[in-house]
Amino acid sequence: MSSNKDTLKSTIIVALLLCIVCSVLVSGAAVLLKQAQTENKEYARNRDVLVAAGMFDPAVHDKAYVEETFKKFSVNLVDLETGKVLSDEEAQAKGIDPANYDQRKASRNPELSERIPADEDIATIKRKARYAAVYVLEKADGTVDRVVLPVHGYGLWSTLYGFLAVEGDGNTILGLTFYEHAETPGLGGEVDNPKWKRQWPGKKIFESDGNVGITVTKGGAADAGSDYEIDGLSGATLTTRGVDNLVHYWVGKNGFGPYLESLQAGEV
């Protein structure tokens, strides 16, 4: 007859074997799925860049179509302080690969980021990367046709991450889309509503004096004939304010303002 001691020993052995088998299975699955996860992440980013730029056909759900269209863009690494585009050599000297640059990850790296003073942090992002990956589409003559800028900022419940697309004049908006947020469905979550997003194309960022003019107003208060006003989200005042703040921050002097000035001057 088996003793309690033998039974306990057998139980422990079985438990250990089960843990080992499960660990092997989980690790193996993670390795096998890593490439697929990376490819899906890249596809989602490429698609969202095209959506913001007004170049995505929702009727076509084909990865090859997205990949081929996205290849028309080049990835430029921009120094946010100066607005200048880093050459490949300059980027490599900083240990950065522009094609695989992760701005969110860089914002957590003290060597590649900086803390934003509270009086300047209208988008409530606390830290920002010193460099940003910008997606540029050129015309046949080599001039800039459009650029897609990564933007983010805090809404009501979450940080909204998205892309703002601008024409080659550095002033006319082509579109704004968010690919990640946790705002309230039916309220702040309406930033995903195609009807709301259709307000953005054609609006202007800067007024004639160079100041930022684009504004997301209180829901129902926008002047439909204005070049600068976007009607806010009804019942979602804080999300509306968050979107207004993040757009103002990223097109302003502490964001892509210097880059957009260079674009307007034809220096990009």
Protein backbone atom coordinates (compact mmCIF):
# COMPACT_ATOMS: atom_id res chain seq x y z
CA MET A 1 0.00 0.00 0.00
CA SER A 2 1.42 3.38 -0.97
CA SER A 3 2.25 5.82 1.78
CA ASN A 4 1.07 9.43 1.90
CA LYS A 5 4.69 10.42 1.33
CA ASP A 6 4.83 8.49 -1.97
CA THR A 7 1.52 10.02 -3.06
CA LEU A 8 2.79 13.54 -2.33
CA LYS A 9 6.00 12.84 -4.21
CA SER A 10 4.10 11.60 -7.25
CA THR A 11 1.84 14.64 -7.17
CA ILE A 12 4.79 17.00 -7.09
CA ILE A 13 6.50 15.15 -9.97
CA VAL A 14 3.36 15.26 -12.11
CA ALA A 15 2.89 18.95 -11.35
CA LEU A 16 6.48 19.73 -12.28
CA LEU A 17 6.23 17.76 -15.51
CA LEU A 18 3.00 19.53 -16.35
CA CYS A 19 4.62 22.93 -15.74
CA ILE A 20 7.57 22.01 -17.94
CA VAL A 21 5.35 20.79 -20.77
CA CYS A 22 3.16 23.91 -20.57
CA SER A 23 6.22 26.17 -20.54
CA VAL A 24 7.62 24.45 -23.62
CA LEU A 25 4.28 24.76 -25.43
CA VAL A 26 3.84 28.45 -24.54
CA SER A 27 7.44 29.29 -25.47
CA GLY A 28 7.16 27.37 -28.72
CA ALA A 29 3.90 29.10 -29.62
CA ALA A 30 5.43 32.50 -28.87
CA VAL A 31 8.38 31.79 -31.16
CA LEU A 32 6.20 30.39 -33.95
CA LEU A 33 3.74 33.30 -33.77
CA LYS A 34 6.31 36.09 -33.42
CA GLN A 35 6.81 36.56 -37.15
CA ALA A 36 3.05 36.56 -37.82
CA GLN A 37 2.50 39.10 -35.03
CA THR A 38 5.25 41.34 -36.41
CA GLU A 39 3.78 41.15 -39.91
CA ASN A 40 0.28 41.93 -38.64
CA LYS A 41 1.59 44.90 -36.69
CA GLU A 42 3.38 46.27 -39.76
CA TYR A 43 0.30 45.72 -41.90
CA ALA A 44 -1.90 47.61 -39.42
CA ARG A 45 0.56 50.53 -39.32
CA ASN A 46 0.84 50.67 -43.11
CA ARG A 47 -2.94 50.55 -43.50
CA ASP A 48 -3.47 53.35 -40.97
CA VAL A 49 -0.90 55.54 -42.71
CA LEU A 50 -2.79 55.06 -45.96
CA VAL A 51 -6.13 55.76 -44.24
CA ALA A 52 -4.85 59.08 -42.89
CA ALA A 53 -3.37 59.98 -46.27
CA GLY A 54 -6.66 59.28 -48.05
CA MET A 55 -5.12 56.43 -50.03
CA PHE A 56 -6.87 53.39 -48.57
CA ASP A 57 -9.74 51.75 -50.37
CA PRO A 58 -11.93 50.06 -47.71
CA ALA A 59 -13.44 47.86 -50.39
CA VAL A 60 -10.07 46.19 -50.91
CA HIS A 61 -9.10 43.91 -48.02
CA ASP A 62 -5.83 42.67 -49.41
CA LYS A 63 -2.48 42.80 -47.64
CA ALA A 64 -0.60 42.83 -50.94
CA TYR A 65 -2.53 45.95 -52.01
CA VAL A 66 -1.65 47.72 -48.76
CA GLU A 67 2.00 46.70 -48.95
CA GLU A 68 2.41 47.82 -52.56
CA THR A 69 0.69 51.17 -51.94
CA PHE A 70 2.70 51.80 -48.76
CA LYS A 71 5.95 51.20 -50.66
CA LYS A 72 5.32 54.49 -52.43
CA PHE A 73 6.18 56.23 -49.14
CA SER A 74 9.65 56.79 -47.76
CA VAL A 75 10.33 56.90 -44.04
CA ASN A 76 12.16 60.01 -42.85
CA LEU A 77 13.52 60.40 -39.34
CA VAL A 78 12.87 63.96 -38.17
CA ASP A 79 14.68 65.80 -35.40
CA LEU A 80 11.73 67.44 -33.61
CA GLU A 81 13.86 70.25 -32.20
CA THR A 82 15.19 71.47 -35.54
CA GLY A 83 12.67 70.03 -37.98
CA LYS A 84 15.52 68.62 -40.05
CA VAL A 85 15.49 65.17 -41.61
CA LEU A 86 18.36 62.97 -40.45
CA SER A 87 20.41 61.22 -43.11
CA ASP A 88 20.84 57.47 -42.86
CA GLU A 89 24.38 58.02 -41.62
CA GLU A 90 23.22 60.45 -38.92
CA ALA A 91 20.49 58.05 -37.81
CA GLN A 92 22.86 55.10 -37.70
CA ALA A 93 25.34 57.14 -35.69
CA LYS A 94 22.61 57.47 -33.06
CA GLY A 95 21.92 53.75 -33.24
CA ILE A 96 18.59 54.21 -35.02
CA ASP A 97 17.16 52.33 -38.00
CA PRO A 98 14.52 54.69 -39.49
CA ALA A 99 12.58 51.85 -41.13
CA ASN A 100 12.15 50.03 -37.81
CA TYR A 101 12.12 53.00 -35.44
CA ASP A 102 9.63 52.69 -32.58
CA GLN A 103 8.80 56.18 -31.37
CA ARG A 104 6.78 54.95 -28.39
CA LYS A 105 9.66 52.78 -27.24
CA ALA A 106 12.12 55.62 -27.81
CA SER A 107 10.03 57.93 -25.60
CA ARG A 108 10.89 55.64 -22.66
CA ASN A 109 14.60 55.71 -23.42
CA PRO A 110 16.34 58.60 -21.59
CA GLU A 111 18.97 58.79 -24.34
CA LEU A 112 16.37 59.24 -27.08
CA SER A 113 13.73 61.26 -25.26
CA GLU A 114 13.13 64.21 -22.96
CA ARG A 115 10.65 65.15 -20.28
CA ILE A 116 8.15 67.81 -21.34
CA PRO A 117 7.79 70.77 -18.95
CA ALA A 118 4.33 70.82 -17.37
CA ASP A 119 3.49 74.24 -18.81
CA GLU A 120 4.16 72.95 -22.35
CA ASP A 121 2.55 69.53 -22.01
CA ILE A 122 -0.94 70.40 -23.26
CA ALA A 123 -1.33 66.88 -24.70
CA THR A 124 -0.43 65.27 -21.34
CA ILE A 125 2.21 62.92 -22.74
CA LYS A 126 4.92 63.67 -20.13
CA ARG A 127 7.86 62.47 -22.27
CA LYS A 128 8.50 62.68 -25.99
CA ALA A 129 11.03 61.07 -28.27
CA ARG A 130 13.55 63.46 -29.79
CA TYR A 131 13.00 61.93 -33.20
CA ALA A 132 9.89 60.95 -35.11
CA ALA A 133 9.36 58.71 -38.13
CA VAL A 134 7.49 60.64 -40.82
CA TYR A 135 6.01 58.97 -43.90
CA VAL A 136 6.62 60.96 -47.09
CA LEU A 137 5.11 60.52 -50.54
CA GLU A 138 6.83 62.35 -53.39
CA LYS A 139 5.53 63.42 -56.78
CA ALA A 140 7.18 62.39 -60.03
CA ASP A 141 9.25 65.60 -60.00
CA GLY A 142 10.65 64.85 -56.53
CA THR A 143 8.61 67.44 -54.65
CA VAL A 144 6.59 66.37 -51.61
CA ASP A 145 3.03 65.32 -52.36
CA ARG A 146 1.96 64.50 -48.78
CA VAL A 147 3.36 63.59 -45.38
CA VAL A 148 1.89 61.52 -42.56
CA LEU A 149 2.81 62.51 -39.01
CA PRO A 150 2.45 60.31 -35.91
CA VAL A 151 0.49 62.07 -33.15
CA HIS A 152 -0.74 61.17 -29.69
CA GLY A 153 -2.21 62.71 -26.57
CA TYR A 154 -4.54 62.06 -23.66
CA GLY A 155 -8.33 62.13 -24.01
CA LEU A 156 -10.74 61.22 -21.20
CA TRP A 157 -9.74 57.64 -20.35
CA SER A 158 -6.74 56.95 -22.50
CA THR A 159 -3.92 58.13 -24.70
CA LEU A 160 -5.06 58.34 -28.31
CA TYR A 161 -2.47 57.28 -30.90
CA GLY A 162 -2.95 58.21 -34.53
CA PHE A 163 -1.71 59.78 -37.74
CA LEU A 164 -2.25 63.27 -39.14
CA ALA A 165 -1.74 63.57 -42.91
CA VAL A 166 -0.80 66.89 -44.49
CA GLU A 167 -0.41 67.97 -48.10
CA GLY A 168 2.97 68.95 -49.48
CA ASP A 169 2.23 72.61 -48.76
CA GLY A 170 2.75 71.85 -45.06
CA ASN A 171 -0.59 73.43 -44.20
CA THR A 172 -3.57 71.60 -45.73
CA ILE A 173 -4.88 68.60 -43.80
CA LEU A 174 -5.64 65.41 -45.69
CA GLY A 175 -6.96 63.40 -42.79
CA LEU A 176 -6.72 62.34 -39.15
CA THR A 177 -7.16 58.79 -37.91
CA PHE A 178 -6.61 57.06 -34.57
CA TYR A 179 -5.48 53.45 -34.40
CA GLU A 180 -5.43 52.98 -30.63
CA HIS A 181 -7.46 54.42 -27.75
CA ALA A 182 -9.86 53.41 -24.99
CA GLU A 183 -12.39 56.24 -25.17
CA THR A 184 -16.07 55.59 -24.39
CA PRO A 185 -17.94 53.87 -27.25
CA GLY A 186 -20.64 56.13 -28.67
CA LEU A 187 -19.09 59.21 -27.08
CA GLY A 188 -15.32 59.82 -27.22
CA GLY A 189 -15.04 56.65 -29.27
CA GLU A 190 -16.72 58.55 -32.09
CA VAL A 191 -13.24 59.70 -33.13
CA ASP A 192 -13.45 56.51 -35.23
CA ASN A 193 -16.69 57.56 -36.90
CA PRO A 194 -16.07 58.10 -40.66
CA LYS A 195 -18.61 60.96 -40.63
CA TRP A 196 -16.62 62.84 -37.98
CA LYS A 197 -13.31 62.14 -39.73
CA ARG A 198 -14.65 63.52 -43.02
CA GLN A 199 -14.52 67.03 -41.51
CA TRP A 200 -10.71 67.10 -41.53
CA PRO A 201 -9.66 66.97 -45.21
CA GLY A 202 -9.15 70.46 -46.61
CA LYS A 203 -8.85 72.23 -43.26
CA LYS A 204 -5.84 74.47 -42.69
CA ILE A 205 -3.33 74.18 -39.86
CA PHE A 206 -1.84 77.67 -39.84
CA GLU A 207 -3.40 81.09 -40.18
CA SER A 208 -1.86 83.75 -42.43
CA ASP A 209 0.22 85.08 -39.51
CA GLY A 210 1.78 81.65 -38.95
CA ASN A 211 -0.10 80.87 -35.76
CA VAL A 212 -1.88 77.54 -35.35
CA GLY A 213 -5.47 78.03 -36.44
CA ILE A 214 -6.92 74.50 -36.54
CA THR A 215 -9.36 74.05 -33.65
CA VAL A 216 -11.69 71.28 -32.49
CA THR A 217 -14.64 73.16 -31.02
CA LYS A 218 -17.43 72.16 -28.69
CA GLY A 219 -19.88 69.79 -30.37
CA GLY A 220 -22.24 71.68 -32.69
CA ALA A 221 -20.36 74.96 -32.41
CA ALA A 222 -18.11 74.81 -35.48
CA ASP A 223 -18.60 77.12 -38.43
CA ALA A 224 -19.01 74.79 -41.41
CA GLY A 225 -17.52 77.43 -43.70
CA SER A 226 -14.39 77.91 -41.61
CA ASP A 227 -11.01 76.75 -42.87
CA TYR A 228 -9.95 76.00 -39.31
CA GLU A 229 -12.88 74.70 -37.24
CA ILE A 230 -13.73 71.06 -36.63
CA ASP A 231 -17.01 70.20 -34.94
CA GLY A 232 -16.29 68.39 -31.66
CA LEU A 233 -17.81 65.16 -30.41
CA SER A 234 -21.27 65.58 -28.95
CA GLY A 235 -21.37 64.54 -25.28
CA ALA A 236 -17.61 63.98 -25.16
CA THR A 237 -16.19 67.32 -24.06
CA LEU A 238 -12.98 65.95 -22.54
CA THR A 239 -12.13 63.73 -25.49
CA THR A 240 -12.82 66.67 -27.82
CA ARG A 241 -10.51 68.84 -25.75
CA GLY A 242 -7.90 66.09 -25.77
CA VAL A 243 -7.95 65.83 -29.57
CA ASP A 244 -7.71 69.60 -29.87
CA ASN A 245 -4.77 69.67 -27.45
CA LEU A 246 -2.85 66.85 -29.10
CA VAL A 247 -3.25 68.33 -32.57
CA HIS A 248 -2.15 71.74 -31.30
CA TYR A 249 0.87 70.22 -29.59
CA TRP A 250 2.09 68.18 -32.54
CA VAL A 251 1.70 70.92 -35.16
CA GLY A 252 3.19 73.49 -32.79
CA LYS A 253 6.76 74.55 -32.09
CA ASN A 254 7.44 71.66 -29.70
CA GLY A 255 6.14 69.06 -32.15
CA PHE A 256 6.30 69.08 -35.94
CA GLY A 257 6.07 72.87 -36.25
CA PRO A 258 9.71 73.31 -37.33
CA TYR A 259 9.37 70.43 -39.82
CA LEU A 260 6.18 71.86 -41.31
CA GLU A 261 7.90 75.24 -41.67
CA SER A 262 10.71 73.55 -43.60
CA LEU A 263 8.11 71.79 -45.73
CA GLN A 264 6.40 75.08 -46.54
CA ALA A 265 9.77 76.58 -47.51
CA GLY A 266 10.49 73.66 -49.83
CA GLU A 267 13.46 72.55 -47.74
CA VAL A 268 12.26 68.99 -47.09
